[in-house]
Amino acid sequence: MKNEKKDYEPVTCGHCEGLGCTYCNKTGTVLVAAPKRHCSHCEGVGCIYCGFTGWAEPKGKYD
């Protein structure tokens, strides 16, 4: 298995729309694998697959 280093970029949390919540540690942003893309399961609404952030591959979930 390759040991690739992923690049991450900050995006506005889809759950709280930047206001701050428990899913983004009250910062309003989350780090996601670049290039950023909405979660394919919920299309950005938030679900268990994206940690309720609305984004695919949030940091910490797959690294």
PDB file of N, CA and C in Angstrom:
ATOM      1  N   MET A   1       0.835  -1.167   0.000  1.00  0.00           N
ATOM      2  CA  MET A   1       0.000   0.000   0.000  1.00  0.00           C
ATOM      3  C   MET A   1       0.889   1.243   0.000  1.00  0.00           C
ATOM      4  N   LYS A   2       0.526   2.216  -0.821  1.00  0.00           N
ATOM      5  CA  LYS A   2       1.311   3.428  -0.937  1.00  0.00           C
ATOM      6  C   LYS A   2       1.133   4.308   0.281  1.00  0.00           C
ATOM      7  N   ASN A   3       2.196   4.966   0.657  1.00  0.00           N
ATOM      8  CA  ASN A   3       2.149   5.905   1.764  1.00  0.00           C
ATOM      9  C   ASN A   3       2.148   7.322   1.182  1.00  0.00           C
ATOM     10  N   GLU A   4       0.997   7.736   0.627  1.00  0.00           N
ATOM     11  CA  GLU A   4       0.870   9.035   0.001  1.00  0.00           C
ATOM     12  C   GLU A   4       0.465  10.089   1.019  1.00  0.00           C
ATOM     13  N   LYS A   5       1.040  11.250   0.870  1.00  0.00           N
ATOM     14  CA  LYS A   5       0.643  12.370   1.709  1.00  0.00           C
ATOM     15  C   LYS A   5      -0.446  13.139   0.962  1.00  0.00           C
ATOM     16  N   LYS A   6      -1.599  13.292   1.599  1.00  0.00           N
ATOM     17  CA  LYS A   6      -2.696  14.014   0.978  1.00  0.00           C
ATOM     18  C   LYS A   6      -2.600  15.487   1.291  1.00  0.00           C
ATOM     19  N   ASP A   7      -3.040  16.280   0.354  1.00  0.00           N
ATOM     20  CA  ASP A   7      -3.156  17.709   0.579  1.00  0.00           C
ATOM     21  C   ASP A   7      -4.568  17.994   1.044  1.00  0.00           C
ATOM     22  N   TYR A   8      -4.693  18.865   2.020  1.00  0.00           N
ATOM     23  CA  TYR A   8      -6.002  19.230   2.568  1.00  0.00           C
ATOM     24  C   TYR A   8      -6.217  20.723   2.428  1.00  0.00           C
ATOM     25  N   GLU A   9      -7.464  21.091   2.263  1.00  0.00           N
ATOM     26  CA  GLU A   9      -7.809  22.502   2.188  1.00  0.00           C
ATOM     27  C   GLU A   9      -9.008  22.790   3.082  1.00  0.00           C
ATOM     28  N   PRO A  10      -9.065  23.983   3.660  1.00  0.00           N
ATOM     29  CA  PRO A  10     -10.186  24.331   4.538  1.00  0.00           C
ATOM     30  C   PRO A  10     -11.426  24.693   3.726  1.00  0.00           C
ATOM     31  N   VAL A  11     -12.579  24.247   4.201  1.00  0.00           N
ATOM     32  CA  VAL A  11     -13.872  24.584   3.592  1.00  0.00           C
ATOM     33  C   VAL A  11     -14.876  24.893   4.694  1.00  0.00           C
ATOM     34  N   THR A  12     -15.917  25.597   4.350  1.00  0.00           N
ATOM     35  CA  THR A  12     -16.970  25.923   5.310  1.00  0.00           C
ATOM     36  C   THR A  12     -17.749  24.662   5.642  1.00  0.00           C
ATOM     37  N   CYS A  13     -17.965  24.428   6.910  1.00  0.00           N
ATOM     38  CA  CYS A  13     -18.712  23.259   7.361  1.00  0.00           C
ATOM     39  C   CYS A  13     -20.131  23.316   6.791  1.00  0.00           C
ATOM     40  N   GLY A  14     -20.562  22.235   6.172  1.00  0.00           N
ATOM     41  CA  GLY A  14     -21.891  22.176   5.586  1.00  0.00           C
ATOM     42  C   GLY A  14     -22.995  22.019   6.604  1.00  0.00           C
ATOM     43  N   HIS A  15     -22.653  21.546   7.782  1.00  0.00           N
ATOM     44  CA  HIS A  15     -23.676  21.336   8.811  1.00  0.00           C
ATOM     45  C   HIS A  15     -24.115  22.659   9.436  1.00  0.00           C
ATOM     46  N   CYS A  16     -23.163  23.502   9.774  1.00  0.00           N
ATOM     47  CA  CYS A  16     -23.486  24.759  10.468  1.00  0.00           C
ATOM     48  C   CYS A  16     -23.337  25.990   9.582  1.00  0.00           C
ATOM     49  N   GLU A  17     -22.877  25.790   8.345  1.00  0.00           N
ATOM     50  CA  GLU A  17     -22.658  26.879   7.391  1.00  0.00           C
ATOM     51  C   GLU A  17     -21.718  27.951   7.935  1.00  0.00           C
ATOM     52  N   GLY A  18     -20.715  27.522   8.690  1.00  0.00           N
ATOM     53  CA  GLY A  18     -19.688  28.420   9.181  1.00  0.00           C
ATOM     54  C   GLY A  18     -19.926  29.020  10.548  1.00  0.00           C
ATOM     55  N   LEU A  19     -21.046  28.709  11.174  1.00  0.00           N
ATOM     56  CA  LEU A  19     -21.345  29.288  12.484  1.00  0.00           C
ATOM     57  C   LEU A  19     -20.591  28.607  13.616  1.00  0.00           C
ATOM     58  N   GLY A  20     -20.222  27.347  13.415  1.00  0.00           N
ATOM     59  CA  GLY A  20     -19.512  26.579  14.442  1.00  0.00           C
ATOM     60  C   GLY A  20     -20.423  25.552  15.079  1.00  0.00           C
ATOM     61  N   CYS A  21     -20.005  24.310  15.066  1.00  0.00           N
ATOM     62  CA  CYS A  21     -20.787  23.213  15.650  1.00  0.00           C
ATOM     63  C   CYS A  21     -19.829  22.127  16.128  1.00  0.00           C
ATOM     64  N   THR A  22     -20.359  21.075  16.676  1.00  0.00           N
ATOM     65  CA  THR A  22     -19.504  19.999  17.182  1.00  0.00           C
ATOM     66  C   THR A  22     -18.805  19.236  16.060  1.00  0.00           C
ATOM     67  N   TYR A  23     -19.363  19.222  14.872  1.00  0.00           N
ATOM     68  CA  TYR A  23     -18.751  18.481  13.766  1.00  0.00           C
ATOM     69  C   TYR A  23     -17.511  19.172  13.204  1.00  0.00           C
ATOM     70  N   CYS A  24     -17.403  20.481  13.409  1.00  0.00           N
ATOM     71  CA  CYS A  24     -16.230  21.226  12.946  1.00  0.00           C
ATOM     72  C   CYS A  24     -15.425  21.793  14.112  1.00  0.00           C
ATOM     73  N   ASN A  25     -15.640  21.260  15.303  1.00  0.00           N
ATOM     74  CA  ASN A  25     -14.961  21.719  16.520  1.00  0.00           C
ATOM     75  C   ASN A  25     -15.180  23.211  16.782  1.00  0.00           C
ATOM     76  N   LYS A  26     -16.366  23.666  16.445  1.00  0.00           N
ATOM     77  CA  LYS A  26     -16.809  25.054  16.671  1.00  0.00           C
ATOM     78  C   LYS A  26     -15.958  26.088  15.949  1.00  0.00           C
ATOM     79  N   THR A  27     -15.304  25.678  14.856  1.00  0.00           N
ATOM     80  CA  THR A  27     -14.486  26.604  14.079  1.00  0.00           C
ATOM     81  C   THR A  27     -15.217  27.127  12.847  1.00  0.00           C
ATOM     82  N   GLY A  28     -16.221  26.404  12.378  1.00  0.00           N
ATOM     83  CA  GLY A  28     -16.942  26.796  11.167  1.00  0.00           C
ATOM     84  C   GLY A  28     -16.319  26.275   9.896  1.00  0.00           C
ATOM     85  N   THR A  29     -15.125  25.664  10.011  1.00  0.00           N
ATOM     86  CA  THR A  29     -14.451  25.104   8.845  1.00  0.00           C
ATOM     87  C   THR A  29     -13.967  23.688   9.145  1.00  0.00           C
ATOM     88  N   VAL A  30     -13.784  22.921   8.088  1.00  0.00           N
ATOM     89  CA  VAL A  30     -13.217  21.581   8.200  1.00  0.00           C
ATOM     90  C   VAL A  30     -12.142  21.433   7.125  1.00  0.00           C
ATOM     91  N   LEU A  31     -11.177  20.564   7.371  1.00  0.00           N
ATOM     92  CA  LEU A  31     -10.163  20.264   6.372  1.00  0.00           C
ATOM     93  C   LEU A  31     -10.610  19.044   5.585  1.00  0.00           C
ATOM     94  N   VAL A  32     -10.563  19.160   4.254  1.00  0.00           N
ATOM     95  CA  VAL A  32     -10.949  18.051   3.384  1.00  0.00           C
ATOM     96  C   VAL A  32      -9.857  17.817   2.361  1.00  0.00           C
ATOM     97  N   ALA A  33      -9.804  16.605   1.840  1.00  0.00           N
ATOM     98  CA  ALA A  33      -8.804  16.261   0.834  1.00  0.00           C
ATOM     99  C   ALA A  33      -9.015  17.108  -0.417  1.00  0.00           C
ATOM    100  N   ALA A  34      -7.911  17.640  -0.915  1.00  0.00           N
ATOM    101  CA  ALA A  34      -7.967  18.435  -2.148  1.00  0.00           C
ATOM    102  C   ALA A  34      -7.972  17.503  -3.348  1.00  0.00           C
ATOM    103  N   PRO A  35      -8.708  17.804  -4.375  1.00  0.00           N
ATOM    104  CA  PRO A  35      -9.609  18.941  -4.524  1.00  0.00           C
ATOM    105  C   PRO A  35     -10.905  18.701  -3.753  1.00  0.00           C
ATOM    106  N   LYS A  36     -11.454  19.768  -3.198  1.00  0.00           N
ATOM    107  CA  LYS A  36     -12.672  19.646  -2.393  1.00  0.00           C
ATOM    108  C   LYS A  36     -13.850  19.232  -3.268  1.00  0.00           C
ATOM    109  N   ARG A  37     -14.711  18.415  -2.693  1.00  0.00           N
ATOM    110  CA  ARG A  37     -15.931  17.988  -3.398  1.00  0.00           C
ATOM    111  C   ARG A  37     -16.969  17.590  -2.363  1.00  0.00           C
ATOM    112  N   HIS A  38     -18.212  17.811  -2.713  1.00  0.00           N
ATOM    113  CA  HIS A  38     -19.295  17.456  -1.806  1.00  0.00           C
ATOM    114  C   HIS A  38     -19.399  15.941  -1.670  1.00  0.00           C
ATOM    115  N   CYS A  39     -19.910  15.491  -0.546  1.00  0.00           N
ATOM    116  CA  CYS A  39     -20.095  14.069  -0.284  1.00  0.00           C
ATOM    117  C   CYS A  39     -21.055  13.484  -1.317  1.00  0.00           C
ATOM    118  N   SER A  40     -20.682  12.372  -1.905  1.00  0.00           N
ATOM    119  CA  SER A  40     -21.520  11.751  -2.935  1.00  0.00           C
ATOM    120  C   SER A  40     -22.739  11.052  -2.347  1.00  0.00           C
ATOM    121  N   HIS A  41     -22.716  10.773  -1.072  1.00  0.00           N
ATOM    122  CA  HIS A  41     -23.847  10.099  -0.430  1.00  0.00           C
ATOM    123  C   HIS A  41     -24.985  11.061  -0.111  1.00  0.00           C
ATOM    124  N   CYS A  42     -24.645  12.275   0.296  1.00  0.00           N
ATOM    125  CA  CYS A  42     -25.680  13.225   0.728  1.00  0.00           C
ATOM    126  C   CYS A  42     -25.713  14.500  -0.113  1.00  0.00           C
ATOM    127  N   GLU A  43     -24.789  14.628  -1.062  1.00  0.00           N
ATOM    128  CA  GLU A  43     -24.688  15.800  -1.932  1.00  0.00           C
ATOM    129  C   GLU A  43     -24.514  17.104  -1.151  1.00  0.00           C
ATOM    130  N   GLY A  44     -23.795  17.038  -0.038  1.00  0.00           N
ATOM    131  CA  GLY A  44     -23.455  18.229   0.727  1.00  0.00           C
ATOM    132  C   GLY A  44     -24.366  18.559   1.891  1.00  0.00           C
ATOM    133  N   VAL A  45     -25.395  17.748   2.123  1.00  0.00           N
ATOM    134  CA  VAL A  45     -26.328  18.014   3.213  1.00  0.00           C
ATOM    135  C   VAL A  45     -25.743  17.598   4.559  1.00  0.00           C
ATOM    136  N   GLY A  46     -25.055  16.473   4.585  1.00  0.00           N
ATOM    137  CA  GLY A  46     -24.455  15.937   5.811  1.00  0.00           C
ATOM    138  C   GLY A  46     -25.016  14.569   6.139  1.00  0.00           C
ATOM    139  N   CYS A  47     -24.137  13.611   6.357  1.00  0.00           N
ATOM    140  CA  CYS A  47     -24.546  12.240   6.670  1.00  0.00           C
ATOM    141  C   CYS A  47     -23.413  11.553   7.442  1.00  0.00           C
ATOM    142  N   ILE A  48     -23.616  10.287   7.779  1.00  0.00           N
ATOM    143  CA  ILE A  48     -22.599   9.560   8.537  1.00  0.00           C
ATOM    144  C   ILE A  48     -21.322   9.330   7.727  1.00  0.00           C
ATOM    145  N   TYR A  49     -21.422   9.313   6.413  1.00  0.00           N
ATOM    146  CA  TYR A  49     -20.251   9.030   5.585  1.00  0.00           C
ATOM    147  C   TYR A  49     -19.275  10.208   5.518  1.00  0.00           C
ATOM    148  N   CYS A  50     -19.775  11.405   5.724  1.00  0.00           N
ATOM    149  CA  CYS A  50     -18.909  12.596   5.664  1.00  0.00           C
ATOM    150  C   CYS A  50     -18.724  13.231   7.029  1.00  0.00           C
ATOM    151  N   GLY A  51     -19.147  12.547   8.073  1.00  0.00           N
ATOM    152  CA  GLY A  51     -19.035  13.101   9.414  1.00  0.00           C
ATOM    153  C   GLY A  51     -19.949  14.293   9.625  1.00  0.00           C
ATOM    154  N   PHE A  52     -21.041  14.337   8.865  1.00  0.00           N
ATOM    155  CA  PHE A  52     -22.045  15.402   8.927  1.00  0.00           C
ATOM    156  C   PHE A  52     -21.492  16.770   8.530  1.00  0.00           C
ATOM    157  N   THR A  53     -20.396  16.784   7.771  1.00  0.00           N
ATOM    158  CA  THR A  53     -19.819  18.046   7.317  1.00  0.00           C
ATOM    159  C   THR A  53     -20.286  18.423   5.916  1.00  0.00           C
ATOM    160  N   GLY A  54     -20.759  17.441   5.143  1.00  0.00           N
ATOM    161  CA  GLY A  54     -21.191  17.697   3.774  1.00  0.00           C
ATOM    162  C   GLY A  54     -20.099  17.544   2.734  1.00  0.00           C
ATOM    163  N   TRP A  55     -18.873  17.253   3.171  1.00  0.00           N
ATOM    164  CA  TRP A  55     -17.728  17.177   2.267  1.00  0.00           C
ATOM    165  C   TRP A  55     -17.140  15.768   2.230  1.00  0.00           C
ATOM    166  N   ALA A  56     -16.638  15.378   1.069  1.00  0.00           N
ATOM    167  CA  ALA A  56     -15.988  14.080   0.902  1.00  0.00           C
ATOM    168  C   ALA A  56     -14.601  14.112   1.519  1.00  0.00           C
ATOM    169  N   GLU A  57     -14.199  13.039   2.126  1.00  0.00           N
ATOM    170  CA  GLU A  57     -12.876  12.833   2.724  1.00  0.00           C
ATOM    171  C   GLU A  57     -12.431  13.913   3.707  1.00  0.00           C
ATOM    172  N   PRO A  58     -13.202  14.150   4.766  1.00  0.00           N
ATOM    173  CA  PRO A  58     -12.730  15.092   5.783  1.00  0.00           C
ATOM    174  C   PRO A  58     -11.498  14.543   6.493  1.00  0.00           C
ATOM    175  N   LYS A  59     -10.594  15.426   6.871  1.00  0.00           N
ATOM    176  CA  LYS A  59      -9.358  15.005   7.553  1.00  0.00           C
ATOM    177  C   LYS A  59      -9.699  14.299   8.855  1.00  0.00           C
ATOM    178  N   GLY A  60      -9.014  13.202   9.104  1.00  0.00           N
ATOM    179  CA  GLY A  60      -9.241  12.432  10.313  1.00  0.00           C
ATOM    180  C   GLY A  60     -10.097  11.211  10.067  1.00  0.00           C
ATOM    181  N   LYS A  61     -10.947  11.239   9.057  1.00  0.00           N
ATOM    182  CA  LYS A  61     -11.823  10.111   8.795  1.00  0.00           C
ATOM    183  C   LYS A  61     -11.111   9.047   7.965  1.00  0.00           C
ATOM    184  N   TYR A  62     -10.261   9.444   7.041  1.00  0.00           N
ATOM    185  CA  TYR A  62      -9.609   8.483   6.144  1.00  0.00           C
ATOM    186  C   TYR A  62      -8.096   8.457   6.257  1.00  0.00           C
ATOM    187  N   ASP A  63      -7.506   9.308   7.065  1.00  0.00           N
ATOM    188  CA  ASP A  63      -6.043   9.323   7.126  1.00  0.00           C
ATOM    189  C   ASP A  63      -5.513   8.547   8.304  1.00  0.00           C
TER     190      ASP A  63
END
